[in-house]
Amino acid sequence: MKIVFAFALLAIVMALVFAGRAMLQDGRDGKAKSNSMVNALAWRVGLSIALFLFILLSYKMGWIHPTGVPLK
């Protein structure tokens, strides 16, 4: 399960890197701006929501358990 979470977090970070790269390169040298940054950020948000829902589903299905750390 940790590998799935790590892969999802890596995908989210990669989408953020692609958005940053698009932000820095769009509109340079007289080129028109593209929607690549918006698309990358949309992917990042979608992946983040999917990861959150997957964590909730995993907890409900009993695939993951709390660590037992007291909440005092």
N, C-alpha and C. Protein backbone atom coordinates (compact mmCIF):
# COMPACT_ATOMS: atom_id res chain seq x y z
N MET A 1 0.83 -1.19 0.00
CA MET A 1 0.00 0.00 0.00
C MET A 1 0.88 1.26 0.00
N LYS A 2 2.03 1.17 0.68
CA LYS A 2 2.92 2.33 0.73
C LYS A 2 3.44 2.67 -0.67
N ILE A 3 3.64 1.66 -1.49
CA ILE A 3 4.13 1.90 -2.85
C ILE A 3 3.08 2.64 -3.67
N VAL A 4 1.81 2.31 -3.49
CA VAL A 4 0.73 3.00 -4.20
C VAL A 4 0.68 4.46 -3.80
N PHE A 5 0.80 4.72 -2.49
CA PHE A 5 0.77 6.10 -2.01
C PHE A 5 1.99 6.88 -2.51
N ALA A 6 3.15 6.24 -2.48
CA ALA A 6 4.37 6.90 -2.95
C ALA A 6 4.28 7.22 -4.44
N PHE A 7 3.74 6.28 -5.23
CA PHE A 7 3.58 6.51 -6.66
C PHE A 7 2.61 7.66 -6.92
N ALA A 8 1.51 7.72 -6.16
CA ALA A 8 0.53 8.80 -6.33
C ALA A 8 1.15 10.15 -5.96
N LEU A 9 1.90 10.20 -4.89
CA LEU A 9 2.55 11.46 -4.50
C LEU A 9 3.59 11.88 -5.52
N LEU A 10 4.32 10.92 -6.08
CA LEU A 10 5.28 11.22 -7.13
C LEU A 10 4.58 11.79 -8.37
N ALA A 11 3.44 11.22 -8.73
CA ALA A 11 2.69 11.72 -9.88
C ALA A 11 2.18 13.14 -9.63
N ILE A 12 1.76 13.42 -8.40
CA ILE A 12 1.28 14.77 -8.06
C ILE A 12 2.43 15.77 -8.15
N VAL A 13 3.59 15.41 -7.64
CA VAL A 13 4.75 16.31 -7.70
C VAL A 13 5.19 16.52 -9.14
N MET A 14 5.17 15.47 -9.95
CA MET A 14 5.55 15.59 -11.36
C MET A 14 4.59 16.53 -12.11
N ALA A 15 3.30 16.45 -11.81
CA ALA A 15 2.34 17.36 -12.43
C ALA A 15 2.65 18.80 -12.04
N LEU A 16 3.05 19.01 -10.79
CA LEU A 16 3.41 20.34 -10.34
C LEU A 16 4.68 20.84 -11.04
N VAL A 17 5.64 19.95 -11.26
CA VAL A 17 6.86 20.31 -11.98
C VAL A 17 6.53 20.69 -13.42
N PHE A 18 5.66 19.91 -14.07
CA PHE A 18 5.26 20.23 -15.44
C PHE A 18 4.56 21.58 -15.51
N ALA A 19 3.75 21.90 -14.50
CA ALA A 19 3.06 23.19 -14.48
C ALA A 19 4.08 24.33 -14.33
N GLY A 20 5.06 24.13 -13.46
CA GLY A 20 6.09 25.16 -13.28
C GLY A 20 6.91 25.36 -14.54
N ARG A 21 7.24 24.27 -15.19
CA ARG A 21 8.00 24.36 -16.45
C ARG A 21 7.19 25.09 -17.52
N ALA A 22 5.91 24.77 -17.60
CA ALA A 22 5.05 25.43 -18.58
C ALA A 22 4.91 26.92 -18.27
N MET A 23 4.85 27.26 -16.98
CA MET A 23 4.72 28.66 -16.60
C MET A 23 5.96 29.45 -17.02
N LEU A 24 7.12 28.84 -16.88
CA LEU A 24 8.35 29.53 -17.20
C LEU A 24 8.61 29.62 -18.70
N GLN A 25 8.09 28.68 -19.49
CA GLN A 25 8.40 28.65 -20.91
C GLN A 25 7.31 29.23 -21.81
N ASP A 26 6.06 29.28 -21.36
CA ASP A 26 4.98 29.80 -22.21
C ASP A 26 5.15 31.28 -22.48
N GLY A 27 4.88 31.68 -23.70
CA GLY A 27 4.91 33.08 -24.08
C GLY A 27 6.29 33.64 -24.33
N ARG A 28 7.30 32.80 -24.38
CA ARG A 28 8.66 33.27 -24.64
C ARG A 28 8.91 33.40 -26.14
N ASP A 29 9.75 34.32 -26.50
CA ASP A 29 10.19 34.49 -27.89
C ASP A 29 9.02 34.72 -28.86
N GLY A 30 8.01 35.42 -28.40
CA GLY A 30 6.89 35.76 -29.28
C GLY A 30 5.91 34.64 -29.53
N LYS A 31 6.07 33.49 -28.88
CA LYS A 31 5.14 32.38 -29.06
C LYS A 31 3.86 32.66 -28.28
N ALA A 32 2.77 32.12 -28.78
CA ALA A 32 1.50 32.27 -28.07
C ALA A 32 1.50 31.39 -26.83
N LYS A 33 0.78 31.82 -25.81
CA LYS A 33 0.67 31.03 -24.59
C LYS A 33 -0.23 29.83 -24.84
N SER A 34 0.12 28.72 -24.24
CA SER A 34 -0.70 27.51 -24.37
C SER A 34 -1.40 27.23 -23.05
N ASN A 35 -2.24 26.22 -23.05
CA ASN A 35 -2.97 25.85 -21.84
C ASN A 35 -2.27 24.73 -21.08
N SER A 36 -0.99 24.51 -21.34
CA SER A 36 -0.31 23.38 -20.72
C SER A 36 -0.20 23.54 -19.20
N MET A 37 -0.02 24.76 -18.71
CA MET A 37 0.06 24.95 -17.27
C MET A 37 -1.28 24.66 -16.63
N VAL A 38 -2.35 25.12 -17.23
CA VAL A 38 -3.69 24.87 -16.70
C VAL A 38 -3.99 23.38 -16.69
N ASN A 39 -3.61 22.70 -17.76
CA ASN A 39 -3.84 21.25 -17.83
C ASN A 39 -3.04 20.52 -16.76
N ALA A 40 -1.79 20.90 -16.56
CA ALA A 40 -0.96 20.24 -15.55
C ALA A 40 -1.51 20.48 -14.15
N LEU A 41 -1.97 21.68 -13.87
CA LEU A 41 -2.54 21.97 -12.55
C LEU A 41 -3.86 21.24 -12.36
N ALA A 42 -4.64 21.12 -13.43
CA ALA A 42 -5.89 20.36 -13.34
C ALA A 42 -5.60 18.89 -13.04
N TRP A 43 -4.57 18.34 -13.67
CA TRP A 43 -4.16 16.96 -13.37
C TRP A 43 -3.72 16.83 -11.92
N ARG A 44 -2.97 17.82 -11.44
CA ARG A 44 -2.50 17.76 -10.05
C ARG A 44 -3.65 17.76 -9.07
N VAL A 45 -4.63 18.63 -9.30
CA VAL A 45 -5.79 18.69 -8.42
C VAL A 45 -6.57 17.38 -8.50
N GLY A 46 -6.77 16.87 -9.70
CA GLY A 46 -7.49 15.61 -9.86
C GLY A 46 -6.79 14.44 -9.18
N LEU A 47 -5.47 14.37 -9.32
CA LEU A 47 -4.71 13.31 -8.67
C LEU A 47 -4.76 13.44 -7.15
N SER A 48 -4.72 14.66 -6.65
CA SER A 48 -4.79 14.88 -5.20
C SER A 48 -6.14 14.44 -4.65
N ILE A 49 -7.20 14.77 -5.34
CA ILE A 49 -8.54 14.36 -4.90
C ILE A 49 -8.68 12.85 -4.98
N ALA A 50 -8.16 12.25 -6.06
CA ALA A 50 -8.23 10.80 -6.20
C ALA A 50 -7.45 10.11 -5.09
N LEU A 51 -6.27 10.63 -4.74
CA LEU A 51 -5.48 10.04 -3.66
C LEU A 51 -6.23 10.15 -2.33
N PHE A 52 -6.83 11.29 -2.06
CA PHE A 52 -7.59 11.47 -0.82
C PHE A 52 -8.74 10.48 -0.74
N LEU A 53 -9.49 10.34 -1.84
CA LEU A 53 -10.60 9.39 -1.85
C LEU A 53 -10.12 7.95 -1.72
N PHE A 54 -8.97 7.64 -2.32
CA PHE A 54 -8.42 6.30 -2.21
C PHE A 54 -7.99 6.00 -0.77
N ILE A 55 -7.45 7.00 -0.07
CA ILE A 55 -7.08 6.80 1.33
C ILE A 55 -8.33 6.56 2.17
N LEU A 56 -9.38 7.30 1.92
CA LEU A 56 -10.63 7.08 2.66
C LEU A 56 -11.19 5.70 2.37
N LEU A 57 -11.19 5.29 1.11
CA LEU A 57 -11.69 3.96 0.74
C LEU A 57 -10.83 2.87 1.36
N SER A 58 -9.52 3.06 1.36
CA SER A 58 -8.61 2.07 1.94
C SER A 58 -8.88 1.90 3.44
N TYR A 59 -9.15 2.99 4.11
CA TYR A 59 -9.45 2.92 5.54
C TYR A 59 -10.76 2.19 5.78
N LYS A 60 -11.78 2.52 4.99
CA LYS A 60 -13.09 1.89 5.14
C LYS A 60 -13.04 0.39 4.85
N MET A 61 -12.21 -0.01 3.86
CA MET A 61 -12.10 -1.42 3.49
C MET A 61 -11.17 -2.20 4.42
N GLY A 62 -10.46 -1.50 5.31
CA GLY A 62 -9.58 -2.15 6.26
C GLY A 62 -8.19 -2.44 5.71
N TRP A 63 -7.85 -1.84 4.57
CA TRP A 63 -6.54 -2.07 3.97
C TRP A 63 -5.44 -1.32 4.71
N ILE A 64 -5.79 -0.20 5.34
CA ILE A 64 -4.85 0.57 6.15
C ILE A 64 -5.45 0.78 7.52
N HIS A 65 -4.60 0.97 8.53
CA HIS A 65 -5.06 1.14 9.89
C HIS A 65 -4.36 2.34 10.52
N PRO A 66 -4.99 2.95 11.51
CA PRO A 66 -4.32 4.04 12.23
C PRO A 66 -3.06 3.54 12.92
N THR A 67 -2.15 4.45 13.20
CA THR A 67 -0.87 4.07 13.80
C THR A 67 -0.97 3.80 15.29
N GLY A 68 -2.02 4.25 15.91
CA GLY A 68 -2.15 4.04 17.35
C GLY A 68 -1.59 5.18 18.18
N VAL A 69 -1.19 6.26 17.53
CA VAL A 69 -0.67 7.41 18.26
C VAL A 69 -1.85 8.12 18.92
N PRO A 70 -1.80 8.35 20.24
CA PRO A 70 -2.93 9.00 20.93
C PRO A 70 -3.12 10.45 20.45
N LEU A 71 -4.35 10.89 20.40
CA LEU A 71 -4.69 12.24 19.93
C LEU A 71 -4.91 13.20 21.09
N LYS A 72 -4.04 13.22 22.08
CA LYS A 72 -4.20 14.09 23.25
C LYS A 72 -3.66 15.44 23.00
